[in-house]
C-alpha atoms as a PDB file:
ATOM      1  CA  UNK A   1       0.000   0.000   0.000  1.00  0.00           C
ATOM      2  CA  UNK A   2       0.917   3.674  -0.052  1.00  0.00           C
ATOM      3  CA  UNK A   3       0.782   4.205   3.683  1.00  0.00           C
ATOM      4  CA  UNK A   4       3.664   6.435   4.742  1.00  0.00           C
ATOM      5  CA  UNK A   5       4.452   4.575   7.961  1.00  0.00           C
ATOM      6  CA  UNK A   6       4.929   0.811   7.956  1.00  0.00           C
ATOM      7  CA  UNK A   7       6.705   0.743  11.308  1.00  0.00           C
ATOM      8  CA  UNK A   8       3.781   1.727  13.565  1.00  0.00           C
ATOM      9  CA  UNK A   9       2.671  -0.558  16.392  1.00  0.00           C
ATOM     10  CA  UNK A  10      -0.511   0.192  18.344  1.00  0.00           C
ATOM     11  CA  UNK A  11      -0.533  -1.343  21.802  1.00  0.00           C
ATOM     12  CA  UNK A  12      -0.947  -0.540  25.472  1.00  0.00           C
ATOM     13  CA  UNK A  13       2.189   0.985  26.970  1.00  0.00           C
ATOM     14  CA  UNK A  14       2.234  -0.137  30.586  1.00  0.00           C
ATOM     15  CA  UNK A  15       2.840   2.217  33.518  1.00  0.00           C
ATOM     16  CA  UNK A  16       5.918   0.148  34.404  1.00  0.00           C
ATOM     17  CA  UNK A  17       7.394   0.843  30.972  1.00  0.00           C
ATOM     18  CA  UNK A  18       6.634   4.550  31.237  1.00  0.00           C
ATOM     19  CA  UNK A  19       8.293   4.651  34.652  1.00  0.00           C
ATOM     20  CA  UNK A  20      11.531   3.444  33.048  1.00  0.00           C
ATOM     21  CA  UNK A  21      11.492   5.976  30.187  1.00  0.00           C
ATOM     22  CA  UNK A  22      14.399   8.380  30.637  1.00  0.00           C
ATOM     23  CA  UNK A  23      14.645  10.240  27.334  1.00  0.00           C
ATOM     24  CA  UNK A  24      11.431  12.223  27.316  1.00  0.00           C
ATOM     25  CA  UNK A  25      10.476  14.522  24.456  1.00  0.00           C
ATOM     26  CA  UNK A  26       7.387  16.717  24.144  1.00  0.00           C
ATOM     27  CA  UNK A  27       5.899  18.321  21.053  1.00  0.00           C
ATOM     28  CA  UNK A  28       3.018  20.735  20.499  1.00  0.00           C
ATOM     29  CA  UNK A  29       1.109  21.565  17.330  1.00  0.00           C
ATOM     30  CA  UNK A  30      -1.253  24.488  17.892  1.00  0.00           C
ATOM     31  CA  UNK A  31      -4.777  24.295  16.590  1.00  0.00           C
ATOM     32  CA  UNK A  32      -8.185  25.851  16.965  1.00  0.00           C
ATOM     33  CA  UNK A  33     -11.563  25.773  15.212  1.00  0.00           C
ATOM     34  CA  UNK A  34     -11.500  22.769  12.815  1.00  0.00           C
ATOM     35  CA  UNK A  35      -7.827  21.914  13.318  1.00  0.00           C
ATOM     36  CA  UNK A  36      -7.047  20.067  16.550  1.00  0.00           C
ATOM     37  CA  UNK A  37      -4.359  21.065  19.000  1.00  0.00           C
ATOM     38  CA  UNK A  38      -2.054  18.124  19.632  1.00  0.00           C
ATOM     39  CA  UNK A  39       0.438  17.811  22.493  1.00  0.00           C
ATOM     40  CA  UNK A  40       2.459  14.593  22.652  1.00  0.00           C
ATOM     41  CA  UNK A  41       4.797  13.182  25.274  1.00  0.00           C
ATOM     42  CA  UNK A  42       7.286  10.599  23.996  1.00  0.00           C
ATOM     43  CA  UNK A  43      10.308   8.501  24.871  1.00  0.00           C
ATOM     44  CA  UNK A  44      13.033   7.953  22.274  1.00  0.00           C
ATOM     45  CA  UNK A  45      15.324   4.942  22.560  1.00  0.00           C
ATOM     46  CA  UNK A  46      18.139   6.190  20.327  1.00  0.00           C
ATOM     47  CA  UNK A  47      20.189   2.988  20.677  1.00  0.00           C
ATOM     48  CA  UNK A  48      17.406   0.774  19.320  1.00  0.00           C
ATOM     49  CA  UNK A  49      15.877   3.592  17.229  1.00  0.00           C
ATOM     50  CA  UNK A  50      12.437   3.120  18.766  1.00  0.00           C
ATOM     51  CA  UNK A  51       9.929   5.870  19.521  1.00  0.00           C
ATOM     52  CA  UNK A  52       7.205   5.457  22.143  1.00  0.00           C
ATOM     53  CA  UNK A  53       4.247   7.887  22.148  1.00  0.00           C
ATOM     54  CA  UNK A  54       2.489   7.476  25.482  1.00  0.00           C
ATOM     55  CA  UNK A  55       0.651  10.677  26.421  1.00  0.00           C
ATOM     56  CA  UNK A  56      -1.521  13.141  24.536  1.00  0.00           C
ATOM     57  CA  UNK A  57      -3.612  16.260  25.015  1.00  0.00           C
ATOM     58  CA  UNK A  58      -5.690  16.994  21.932  1.00  0.00           C
ATOM     59  CA  UNK A  59      -8.922  18.524  20.731  1.00  0.00           C
ATOM     60  CA  UNK A  60     -10.464  21.424  18.873  1.00  0.00           C
ATOM     61  CA  UNK A  61     -11.295  24.850  20.288  1.00  0.00           C
ATOM     62  CA  UNK A  62      -8.614  24.584  22.952  1.00  0.00           C
ATOM     63  CA  UNK A  63      -7.087  27.985  23.691  1.00  0.00           C
ATOM     64  CA  UNK A  64      -3.675  28.504  25.284  1.00  0.00           C
ATOM     65  CA  UNK A  65      -5.066  29.038  28.787  1.00  0.00           C
ATOM     66  CA  UNK A  66      -7.297  25.959  28.507  1.00  0.00           C
ATOM     67  CA  UNK A  67      -4.371  23.887  27.277  1.00  0.00           C
ATOM     68  CA  UNK A  68      -2.108  25.051  30.084  1.00  0.00           C
ATOM     69  CA  UNK A  69      -4.779  24.059  32.611  1.00  0.00           C
ATOM     70  CA  UNK A  70      -4.685  20.497  31.227  1.00  0.00           C
ATOM     71  CA  UNK A  71      -0.884  20.180  31.482  1.00  0.00           C
ATOM     72  CA  UNK A  72       0.450  18.588  34.679  1.00  0.00           C
ATOM     73  CA  UNK A  73       3.502  19.811  36.608  1.00  0.00           C
ATOM     74  CA  UNK A  74       5.806  17.179  35.123  1.00  0.00           C
ATOM     75  CA  UNK A  75       4.816  18.222  31.613  1.00  0.00           C
ATOM     76  CA  UNK A  76       5.242  21.925  32.418  1.00  0.00           C
ATOM     77  CA  UNK A  77       8.809  21.354  33.634  1.00  0.00           C
ATOM     78  CA  UNK A  78       9.869  19.286  30.592  1.00  0.00           C
ATOM     79  CA  UNK A  79      10.974  21.190  27.494  1.00  0.00           C
ATOM     80  CA  UNK A  80       8.250  21.256  24.841  1.00  0.00           C
ATOM     81  CA  UNK A  81       9.127  21.927  21.194  1.00  0.00           C
ATOM     82  CA  UNK A  82       6.232  23.794  19.604  1.00  0.00           C
ATOM     83  CA  UNK A  83       5.161  24.923  16.155  1.00  0.00           C
ATOM     84  CA  UNK A  84       7.313  28.018  15.514  1.00  0.00           C
ATOM     85  CA  UNK A  85       4.563  29.528  13.333  1.00  0.00           C
ATOM     86  CA  UNK A  86       2.801  30.568  16.568  1.00  0.00           C
ATOM     87  CA  UNK A  87       5.336  32.780  18.415  1.00  0.00           C
ATOM     88  CA  UNK A  88       2.625  34.656  20.348  1.00  0.00           C
ATOM     89  CA  UNK A  89       1.179  31.400  21.685  1.00  0.00           C
ATOM     90  CA  UNK A  90       4.647  30.200  22.640  1.00  0.00           C
ATOM     91  CA  UNK A  91       5.325  33.458  24.469  1.00  0.00           C
ATOM     92  CA  UNK A  92       1.999  33.260  26.305  1.00  0.00           C
ATOM     93  CA  UNK A  93       2.560  29.678  27.466  1.00  0.00           C
ATOM     94  CA  UNK A  94       6.055  30.652  28.570  1.00  0.00           C
ATOM     95  CA  UNK A  95       4.556  33.491  30.624  1.00  0.00           C
ATOM     96  CA  UNK A  96       2.169  30.995  32.218  1.00  0.00           C
ATOM     97  CA  UNK A  97       5.198  29.005  33.410  1.00  0.00           C
ATOM     98  CA  UNK A  98       5.743  26.329  30.767  1.00  0.00           C
ATOM     99  CA  UNK A  99       9.195  25.378  29.483  1.00  0.00           C
ATOM    100  CA  UNK A 100       8.565  25.799  25.750  1.00  0.00           C
ATOM    101  CA  UNK A 101      10.376  26.930  22.625  1.00  0.00           C
ATOM    102  CA  UNK A 102       9.738  27.008  18.893  1.00  0.00           C
ATOM    103  CA  UNK A 103      11.019  24.325  16.549  1.00  0.00           C
ATOM    104  CA  UNK A 104      13.869  25.207  14.205  1.00  0.00           C
ATOM    105  CA  UNK A 105      12.280  24.964  10.762  1.00  0.00           C
ATOM    106  CA  UNK A 106      14.435  25.301   7.668  1.00  0.00           C
ATOM    107  CA  UNK A 107      13.729  24.433   4.026  1.00  0.00           C
ATOM    108  CA  UNK A 108      12.733  20.774   3.756  1.00  0.00           C
ATOM    109  CA  UNK A 109      12.674  20.249   7.519  1.00  0.00           C
ATOM    110  CA  UNK A 110       9.145  18.777   7.521  1.00  0.00           C
ATOM    111  CA  UNK A 111       9.999  16.258   4.805  1.00  0.00           C
ATOM    112  CA  UNK A 112      13.242  15.374   6.584  1.00  0.00           C
ATOM    113  CA  UNK A 113      11.340  14.770   9.805  1.00  0.00           C
ATOM    114  CA  UNK A 114       8.818  12.465   8.122  1.00  0.00           C
ATOM    115  CA  UNK A 115      11.582  10.472   6.431  1.00  0.00           C
ATOM    116  CA  UNK A 116      13.385  10.200   9.765  1.00  0.00           C
ATOM    117  CA  UNK A 117      10.254   8.725  11.355  1.00  0.00           C
ATOM    118  CA  UNK A 118       9.892   6.302   8.435  1.00  0.00           C
ATOM    119  CA  UNK A 119      13.402   4.990   9.049  1.00  0.00           C
ATOM    120  CA  UNK A 120      12.949   4.262  12.740  1.00  0.00           C
ATOM    121  CA  UNK A 121      12.884   0.632  13.802  1.00  0.00           C
ATOM    122  CA  UNK A 122       9.448   1.133  15.345  1.00  0.00           C
ATOM    123  CA  UNK A 123       6.933   3.760  16.455  1.00  0.00           C
ATOM    124  CA  UNK A 124       4.863   2.406  19.322  1.00  0.00           C
ATOM    125  CA  UNK A 125       1.684   4.323  20.139  1.00  0.00           C
ATOM    126  CA  UNK A 126      -0.727   3.675  22.995  1.00  0.00           C
ATOM    127  CA  UNK A 127      -4.143   4.155  21.316  1.00  0.00           C
ATOM    128  CA  UNK A 128      -5.931   4.471  24.669  1.00  0.00           C
ATOM    129  CA  UNK A 129      -3.732   7.327  25.854  1.00  0.00           C
ATOM    130  CA  UNK A 130      -3.075   8.853  22.415  1.00  0.00           C
ATOM    131  CA  UNK A 131      -6.113   8.371  20.136  1.00  0.00           C
ATOM    132  CA  UNK A 132      -5.383  11.256  17.742  1.00  0.00           C
ATOM    133  CA  UNK A 133      -1.759  10.222  17.216  1.00  0.00           C
ATOM    134  CA  UNK A 134      -2.842   6.630  16.576  1.00  0.00           C
ATOM    135  CA  UNK A 135      -5.443   7.721  14.053  1.00  0.00           C
ATOM    136  CA  UNK A 136      -3.143  10.055  12.131  1.00  0.00           C
ATOM    137  CA  UNK A 137      -0.171   7.683  11.985  1.00  0.00           C
ATOM    138  CA  UNK A 138      -2.143   4.712  10.646  1.00  0.00           C
ATOM    139  CA  UNK A 139      -4.148   6.790   8.138  1.00  0.00           C
ATOM    140  CA  UNK A 140      -1.359   8.964   6.716  1.00  0.00           C
ATOM    141  CA  UNK A 141      -0.813   7.923   3.083  1.00  0.00           C
ATOM    142  CA  UNK A 142       0.724   9.267  -0.090  1.00  0.00           C
ATOM    143  CA  UNK A 143      -1.496  10.860  -2.719  1.00  0.00           C
ATOM    144  CA  UNK A 144      -1.921  10.008  -6.397  1.00  0.00           C
ATOM    145  CA  UNK A 145      -2.625  12.070  -9.479  1.00  0.00           C
ATOM    146  CA  UNK A 146      -5.758  11.371 -11.527  1.00  0.00           C
ATOM    147  CA  UNK A 147      -3.779   9.108 -13.879  1.00  0.00           C
ATOM    148  CA  UNK A 148      -2.563   6.942 -11.009  1.00  0.00           C
ATOM    149  CA  UNK A 149       0.926   8.374 -10.573  1.00  0.00           C
ATOM    150  CA  UNK A 150       2.115   8.565  -6.982  1.00  0.00           C
ATOM    151  CA  UNK A 151       2.966  12.085  -5.900  1.00  0.00           C
ATOM    152  CA  UNK A 152       6.536  12.437  -4.678  1.00  0.00           C
ATOM    153  CA  UNK A 153       5.809  14.900  -1.895  1.00  0.00           C
ATOM    154  CA  UNK A 154       4.234  13.980   1.411  1.00  0.00           C
ATOM    155  CA  UNK A 155       0.615  15.176   1.656  1.00  0.00           C
ATOM    156  CA  UNK A 156       0.178  18.535   3.364  1.00  0.00           C
ATOM    157  CA  UNK A 157      -3.079  17.774   5.151  1.00  0.00           C
ATOM    158  CA  UNK A 158      -4.697  16.310   8.245  1.00  0.00           C
ATOM    159  CA  UNK A 159      -7.815  14.192   8.710  1.00  0.00           C
ATOM    160  CA  UNK A 160     -10.146  17.173   8.422  1.00  0.00           C
ATOM    161  CA  UNK A 161      -9.140  18.247   4.905  1.00  0.00           C
ATOM    162  CA  UNK A 162      -9.804  15.378   2.515  1.00  0.00           C
ATOM    163  CA  UNK A 163      -9.530  15.926  -1.235  1.00  0.00           C
ATOM    164  CA  UNK A 164     -10.425  13.710  -4.144  1.00  0.00           C
ATOM    165  CA  UNK A 165      -6.811  12.612  -4.446  1.00  0.00           C
ATOM    166  CA  UNK A 166      -6.456  11.674  -0.791  1.00  0.00           C
ATOM    167  CA  UNK A 167      -5.848   7.952  -0.437  1.00  0.00           C
ATOM    168  CA  UNK A 168      -8.209   6.023   1.807  1.00  0.00           C
ATOM    169  CA  UNK A 169      -6.773   3.005   3.617  1.00  0.00           C
ATOM    170  CA  UNK A 170      -9.243   0.274   2.525  1.00  0.00           C
ATOM    171  CA  UNK A 171      -8.886  -3.453   3.131  1.00  0.00           C
ATOM    172  CA  UNK A 172      -8.031  -3.735  -0.587  1.00  0.00           C
ATOM    173  CA  UNK A 173      -5.209  -1.196  -0.355  1.00  0.00           C
ATOM    174  CA  UNK A 174      -4.902   2.587  -0.531  1.00  0.00           C
ATOM    175  CA  UNK A 175      -7.463   3.977  -3.002  1.00  0.00           C
ATOM    176  CA  UNK A 176      -8.120   7.640  -3.979  1.00  0.00           C
ATOM    177  CA  UNK A 177     -11.341   8.824  -2.380  1.00  0.00           C
ATOM    178  CA  UNK A 178     -12.554  10.044  -5.804  1.00  0.00           C
ATOM    179  CA  UNK A 179     -12.477   6.432  -7.042  1.00  0.00           C
ATOM    180  CA  UNK A 180     -14.740   5.335  -4.190  1.00  0.00           C
ATOM    181  CA  UNK A 181     -17.689   7.436  -5.398  1.00  0.00           C
ATOM    182  CA  UNK A 182     -20.705   5.174  -5.857  1.00  0.00           C
ATOM    183  CA  UNK A 183     -19.047   2.164  -4.217  1.00  0.00           C
ATOM    184  CA  UNK A 184     -19.174   0.440  -0.860  1.00  0.00           C
ATOM    185  CA  UNK A 185     -16.667  -1.620   1.085  1.00  0.00           C
ATOM    186  CA  UNK A 186     -14.504  -1.741   4.207  1.00  0.00           C
ATOM    187  CA  UNK A 187     -11.789   0.632   5.405  1.00  0.00           C
ATOM    188  CA  UNK A 188      -9.203   0.558   8.157  1.00  0.00           C
ATOM    189  CA  UNK A 189     -10.187   3.191  10.690  1.00  0.00           C
ATOM    190  CA  UNK A 190      -9.902   4.088  14.352  1.00  0.00           C
ATOM    191  CA  UNK A 191     -12.641   4.065  16.976  1.00  0.00           C
ATOM    192  CA  UNK A 192     -12.082   7.305  18.927  1.00  0.00           C
ATOM    193  CA  UNK A 193     -14.657   6.432  21.615  1.00  0.00           C
ATOM    194  CA  UNK A 194     -13.230   2.991  22.402  1.00  0.00           C
ATOM    195  CA  UNK A 195      -9.710   3.958  21.255  1.00  0.00           C
ATOM    196  CA  UNK A 196      -9.034   0.850  19.151  1.00  0.00           C
ATOM    197  CA  UNK A 197      -8.206   0.230  15.456  1.00  0.00           C
ATOM    198  CA  UNK A 198     -11.215  -1.158  13.583  1.00  0.00           C
ATOM    199  CA  UNK A 199     -12.511  -2.111  10.138  1.00  0.00           C
ATOM    200  CA  UNK A 200     -15.496   0.048   9.196  1.00  0.00           C
ATOM    201  CA  UNK A 201     -17.995  -0.079   6.341  1.00  0.00           C
ATOM    202  CA  UNK A 202     -18.237   2.798   3.877  1.00  0.00           C
ATOM    203  CA  UNK A 203     -21.096   3.382   1.448  1.00  0.00           C
ATOM    204  CA  UNK A 204     -22.925   6.082  -0.510  1.00  0.00           C
ATOM    205  CA  UNK A 205     -19.721   8.004  -1.275  1.00  0.00           C
ATOM    206  CA  UNK A 206     -20.621  11.177  -3.149  1.00  0.00           C
ATOM    207  CA  UNK A 207     -18.808  13.992  -4.875  1.00  0.00           C
ATOM    208  CA  UNK A 208     -18.786  17.337  -3.072  1.00  0.00           C
ATOM    209  CA  UNK A 209     -18.819  20.745  -4.651  1.00  0.00           C
END
């Protein structure tokens, strides 16, 4: 298939494991309105090249003050690398008392980061603790042109902005959503409420204006 990440494992990360994690990283992508804010807490085993994503704060319509209220003391005192496109939000959270700084973004840095994640031995995500991360990692796929050619660049989108060329992860492989119009079948998805990967039925797919 054309899924970007083939090294993702969804499983429960036990408290005992988390207690032994000693290389903690935190990241924050600001969001509001239709785009979700996403804060992740991770452990990176650089020797074995394994990433563990074990804590998440996410949701839409979460302002800086609301987010800070959700962060615990341990998270506040650990450096968080945030989206540098939001310097005012970074400054405000810093004023609240959070250790936070903007990410260094140069030309091609996003693509480099995605390729780096692809090359890791494994990315283990706890879907109970981190439902948004689990959903985005397993659904992120390359896009195709109308004539079936795979686009070279990684898609610049999230779950909320689907186009006709976006590939849907069906049980028969990754298929452009435009090609699913008028069909029915099964797709790989993620149950946010129960926080587990599932197979779901799709039907009555229609074109939108």
